[in-house]
Protein backbone atom coordinates (compact mmCIF):
# COMPACT_ATOMS: atom_id res chain seq x y z
CA MET A 1 38.74 199.57 23.92
CA ALA A 2 37.47 196.63 23.05
CA SER A 3 34.30 195.04 23.98
CA THR A 4 32.97 191.59 24.57
CA THR A 5 29.87 190.28 23.74
CA SER A 6 28.65 186.27 24.97
CA PHE A 7 25.91 184.55 24.02
CA TRP A 8 25.22 180.02 24.23
CA GLY A 9 28.78 180.19 25.86
CA ILE A 10 30.65 181.91 22.79
CA SER A 11 32.59 185.18 23.42
CA LEU A 12 32.52 187.79 20.50
CA ARG A 13 35.40 190.64 20.74
CA LEU A 14 34.89 193.62 18.69
CA PRO A 15 37.49 195.46 17.90
CA GLN A 16 37.72 199.48 18.67
CA PRO A 17 35.21 201.67 16.07
CA LEU A 18 37.23 203.25 13.28
CA THR A 19 37.77 206.91 13.05
CA ASN A 20 39.03 207.08 9.83
CA ARG A 21 39.34 205.24 6.62
CA GLY A 22 43.07 204.83 6.31
CA ALA A 23 43.04 202.67 9.73
CA VAL A 24 41.05 199.74 8.24
CA LEU A 25 44.02 197.98 7.17
CA ALA A 26 45.34 198.49 10.99
CA ARG A 27 42.49 196.98 12.38
CA PRO A 28 42.19 193.76 14.69
CA PRO A 29 40.11 191.37 13.06
CA LEU A 30 36.66 190.30 14.16
CA SER A 31 37.10 187.28 16.48
CA LEU A 32 34.97 184.53 17.49
CA SER A 33 35.62 181.83 20.33
CA CYS A 34 34.96 178.42 20.04
CA PRO A 35 32.04 177.02 22.31
CA SER A 36 33.29 174.54 24.77
CA SER A 37 32.18 170.90 24.12
CA THR A 38 28.88 171.32 26.14
CA THR A 39 27.29 174.29 24.35
CA ALA A 40 28.28 172.74 21.12
CA LYS A 41 26.31 170.03 21.85
CA LEU A 42 23.64 172.13 22.66
CA LEU A 43 24.38 174.10 19.23
CA GLY A 44 23.61 170.38 17.29
CA GLY A 45 27.38 170.33 16.40
CA LEU A 46 27.33 173.94 14.38
CA ARG A 47 30.29 175.38 13.41
CA PRO A 48 31.49 179.05 14.81
CA LEU A 49 32.96 181.26 12.17
CA ARG A 50 36.12 183.17 12.17
CA LEU A 51 36.97 186.36 10.15
CA LYS A 52 40.08 187.38 9.37
CA ARG A 53 40.81 190.42 6.98
CA ARG A 54 43.19 189.84 4.66
CA ASN A 55 46.52 191.97 4.45
CA SER A 56 45.61 194.16 1.08
CA ALA A 57 49.88 194.01 0.62
CA SER A 58 48.66 190.23 -1.09
CA TRP A 59 46.22 191.93 -3.27
CA ASN A 60 48.48 193.55 -6.33
CA GLY A 61 49.63 195.86 -3.72
CA ARG A 62 46.35 197.95 -4.22
CA GLU A 63 44.11 198.74 -1.12
CA ARG A 64 40.65 196.46 -1.37
CA LEU A 65 38.53 196.46 1.18
CA GLY A 66 35.21 194.92 1.54
CA ARG A 67 33.69 191.68 2.29
CA GLY A 68 35.40 189.38 -0.50
CA TYR A 69 38.92 189.51 1.23
CA PHE A 70 38.12 187.19 4.52
CA ALA A 71 39.67 184.01 5.41
CA VAL A 72 36.53 182.02 7.19
CA ARG A 73 37.80 179.62 9.77
CA CYS A 74 35.80 176.63 11.11
CA GLU A 75 37.42 176.46 14.28
CA ALA A 76 35.30 173.21 15.79
CA SER A 77 35.65 171.17 13.34
CA GLY A 78 39.22 171.68 12.66
CA ALA A 79 38.24 172.20 8.75
CA ARG A 80 39.19 176.01 7.15
CA ILE A 81 37.62 177.52 4.42
CA SER A 82 39.53 179.64 2.55
CA GLN A 83 39.94 181.99 -0.64
CA GLN A 84 42.55 179.75 -2.14
CA GLU A 85 40.77 176.99 -2.51
CA PHE A 86 37.89 178.69 -4.51
CA THR A 87 37.57 180.68 -7.73
CA GLU A 88 36.64 184.73 -7.50
CA MET A 89 33.30 184.29 -8.09
CA ALA A 90 32.62 181.27 -6.00
CA TRP A 91 34.39 182.82 -2.89
CA GLN A 92 32.72 186.76 -3.61
CA GLY A 93 29.51 184.21 -2.66
CA ILE A 94 30.80 182.35 0.22
CA VAL A 95 31.40 185.47 2.19
CA SER A 96 28.30 187.32 1.35
CA SER A 97 26.21 184.41 2.65
CA PRO A 98 26.85 185.79 6.47
CA ASP A 99 26.04 189.41 5.37
CA ILE A 100 22.31 187.71 3.81
CA ALA A 101 21.89 185.96 7.37
CA LYS A 102 22.65 188.78 9.47
CA GLU A 103 20.54 191.43 7.02
CA ASN A 104 17.62 188.39 8.29
CA LYS A 105 19.01 187.64 11.74
CA HIS A 106 19.49 184.45 11.47
CA GLN A 107 22.37 183.29 13.23
CA ILE A 108 23.36 180.16 11.72
CA VAL A 109 24.74 180.68 7.80
CA GLU A 110 23.32 178.22 5.77
CA THR A 111 22.58 176.77 2.10
CA GLU A 112 19.93 179.36 1.35
CA HIS A 113 21.96 182.26 1.98
CA LEU A 114 24.88 181.06 0.00
CA MET A 115 22.11 180.45 -3.15
CA LYS A 116 20.81 184.19 -2.29
CA ALA A 117 24.23 185.46 -3.20
CA LEU A 118 24.72 183.21 -5.55
CA LEU A 119 21.45 184.36 -7.50
CA GLU A 120 22.37 188.11 -6.89
CA GLN A 121 25.66 187.91 -8.67
CA LYS A 122 24.41 189.60 -11.93
CA ASN A 123 25.03 187.54 -15.06
CA GLY A 124 26.81 185.57 -12.85
CA LEU A 125 27.49 181.71 -13.56
CA ALA A 126 24.64 180.38 -10.97
CA ARG A 127 21.80 182.48 -13.11
CA ARG A 128 23.39 181.43 -16.52
CA ILE A 129 23.12 177.23 -15.23
CA PHE A 130 19.95 177.72 -14.24
CA SER A 131 18.52 179.54 -17.55
CA LYS A 132 20.44 176.54 -19.26
CA ALA A 133 18.33 174.34 -17.23
CA GLY A 134 15.09 175.88 -18.10
CA ILE A 135 14.80 177.65 -14.60
CA ASP A 136 13.44 180.96 -14.19
CA ASN A 137 16.34 183.17 -12.29
CA THR A 138 13.32 185.36 -10.64
CA ARG A 139 11.24 182.59 -9.56
CA LEU A 140 14.05 181.02 -8.00
CA LEU A 141 15.06 183.84 -6.41
CA GLU A 142 11.74 184.30 -4.90
CA ALA A 143 11.61 180.97 -3.95
CA THR A 144 14.68 181.14 -1.59
CA ASP A 145 13.92 184.49 -0.37
CA LYS A 146 10.25 183.07 0.88
CA PHE A 147 12.54 180.02 2.80
CA ILE A 148 14.60 182.48 3.94
CA GLN A 149 11.59 184.67 5.85
CA ARG A 150 10.34 181.25 7.31
CA GLN A 151 13.62 180.85 9.36
CA PRO A 152 13.84 181.48 13.11
CA LYS A 153 15.06 185.44 13.80
CA VAL A 154 17.63 186.56 16.42
CA ILE A 155 18.32 189.25 18.04
CA GLY A 156 21.45 190.61 19.19
CA GLU A 157 24.84 190.61 17.73
CA SER A 158 24.88 186.65 16.94
CA ALA A 159 23.26 186.96 13.65
CA GLY A 160 25.21 185.49 11.05
CA SER A 161 28.34 184.02 13.30
CA MET A 162 27.73 180.12 12.97
CA LEU A 163 28.18 177.83 9.69
CA GLY A 164 25.67 175.60 9.74
CA ARG A 165 25.85 172.16 9.07
CA ASP A 166 24.17 171.38 5.94
CA LEU A 167 26.32 173.92 4.38
CA GLU A 168 29.55 173.05 5.14
CA ALA A 169 28.73 169.48 3.84
CA LEU A 170 27.55 171.36 0.74
CA ILE A 171 30.85 172.89 0.82
CA ASN A 172 32.42 169.53 0.83
CA ARG A 173 30.16 168.11 -1.44
CA ALA A 174 31.34 170.85 -4.23
CA ARG A 175 35.07 169.81 -3.24
CA GLU A 176 34.39 166.38 -4.48
CA TYR A 177 32.18 167.58 -7.88
CA LYS A 178 35.75 169.71 -8.37
CA LYS A 179 37.95 166.46 -8.07
CA GLU A 180 35.09 164.43 -10.33
CA TYR A 181 35.81 167.63 -13.17
CA GLY A 182 39.44 167.32 -12.74
CA ASP A 183 39.47 171.38 -11.79
CA SER A 184 41.98 172.92 -9.82
CA PHE A 185 39.61 175.28 -7.86
CA VAL A 186 36.28 175.05 -6.41
CA SER A 187 34.01 177.01 -8.70
CA ILE A 188 30.20 178.14 -8.58
CA GLU A 189 28.89 175.01 -10.87
CA HIS A 190 30.49 172.44 -8.54
CA LEU A 191 28.28 174.55 -5.66
CA ILE A 192 24.94 174.39 -7.84
CA LEU A 193 25.71 170.66 -7.93
CA GLY A 194 25.96 170.02 -4.44
CA TYR A 195 22.54 171.46 -3.80
CA SER A 196 20.55 168.56 -5.02
CA GLN A 197 21.72 166.69 -2.10
CA ASP A 198 21.26 169.31 0.21
CA GLN A 199 18.66 167.60 2.56
CA ARG A 200 18.14 171.28 4.24
CA PHE A 201 16.73 173.43 0.90
CA GLY A 202 18.05 172.58 -2.31
CA ARG A 203 16.41 169.08 -2.81
CA GLN A 204 12.89 170.43 -2.12
CA LEU A 205 14.01 173.63 -4.16
CA PHE A 206 14.57 171.60 -7.39
CA ARG A 207 12.05 169.10 -6.97
CA ASP A 208 9.61 172.17 -6.87
CA PHE A 209 11.27 173.25 -9.78
CA GLN A 210 11.06 169.96 -11.39
CA VAL A 211 14.96 170.01 -12.50
CA SER A 212 17.07 167.37 -11.91
CA GLN A 213 21.02 166.70 -11.66
CA GLN A 214 21.31 165.65 -14.80
CA THR A 215 19.56 168.15 -16.37
CA LEU A 216 22.37 170.50 -14.19
CA LYS A 217 24.91 168.21 -15.23
CA SER A 218 23.68 169.00 -19.02
CA ALA A 219 23.50 172.79 -18.62
CA VAL A 220 27.08 172.88 -16.59
CA GLU A 221 28.66 170.78 -19.43
CA ALA A 222 26.89 173.23 -22.28
CA ILE A 223 28.12 176.24 -20.77
CA ARG A 224 31.73 174.71 -20.05
CA GLY A 225 32.66 173.17 -23.16
CA ARG A 226 35.94 171.51 -22.63
CA GLN A 227 37.07 174.28 -20.63
CA SER A 228 39.31 173.57 -16.84
CA VAL A 229 39.17 175.54 -13.96
CA ILE A 230 43.01 176.26 -13.55
CA ASP A 231 42.76 179.80 -12.50
CA GLN A 232 40.95 181.72 -9.69
CA GLY A 233 39.36 184.52 -12.31
CA TYR A 234 37.68 181.36 -14.50
CA PHE A 235 34.25 183.33 -14.53
CA LEU A 236 36.02 186.22 -15.96
CA LEU A 237 37.68 183.87 -18.43
CA THR A 238 34.22 182.15 -19.61
CA GLY A 239 32.48 185.64 -19.87
CA PHE A 240 35.91 187.33 -22.13
CA LEU A 241 35.60 183.69 -24.28
CA ASP A 242 31.42 183.94 -24.94
CA PHE A 243 32.20 187.91 -26.00
CA LEU A 244 34.29 186.64 -28.44
CA ALA A 245 32.41 184.01 -29.94
CA CYS A 246 29.86 186.86 -30.07
CA ILE A 247 31.73 189.10 -32.40
CA TYR A 248 33.01 186.08 -34.07
CA ILE A 249 29.10 185.21 -34.86
CA TYR A 250 28.57 188.64 -35.84
CA LEU A 251 31.31 188.76 -38.44
CA ILE A 252 30.65 185.83 -40.17
CA PHE A 253 26.69 187.13 -40.65
CA GLU A 254 28.07 190.48 -41.89
CA ASN A 255 30.02 188.85 -44.32
């Protein structure tokens, strides 16, 4: 039988534990009910997350399991954060953020958790942008980890269950950058640019590393060239084009 846990007026319903891998697709989603208006005020207007596993049949008919296949809903505000509006790599960073919060025993998923998720994508677009801007990614990740370690910790099942206001604001800014660049999907560069206005973490981080908004924009434009984000596999496409460019330069010098 499923069990229910309550904290801060929120009821968290946990499905029955799985006994075999074949039962994964039939597993009920982890559901998180919305707090009452009084509780929401006490929580400072935080948005509860509701994670719902997607049907694997919608992913090219193959069984693809893992943390990348969830829809994240901001129940309290009526807003919605869904996979359909993000590139694959940007979405991977977003849905990895609650895991990072949970690992660090943080109830609220915030901008620092997303930054860590993006920096941990090996050869990811975020790392390429920061490198182009003259920032050492190792030092940037260390600074992010230090900030994460200073945040209050919680004990129990509630870790990683609340969407922070600053992270929600960051995603909204990324949507605005998507429009500014005329793109079809929110990509990692839109999220990175949104950190420049992040009062919680990003603005101070960039100040410490002496990187300006214009420097980041120049780095983004140098990597993008004239490309637009018209496909959810945008990062994969840019990586492939870079590979072809390297081969082309190699052949020129060889001949």
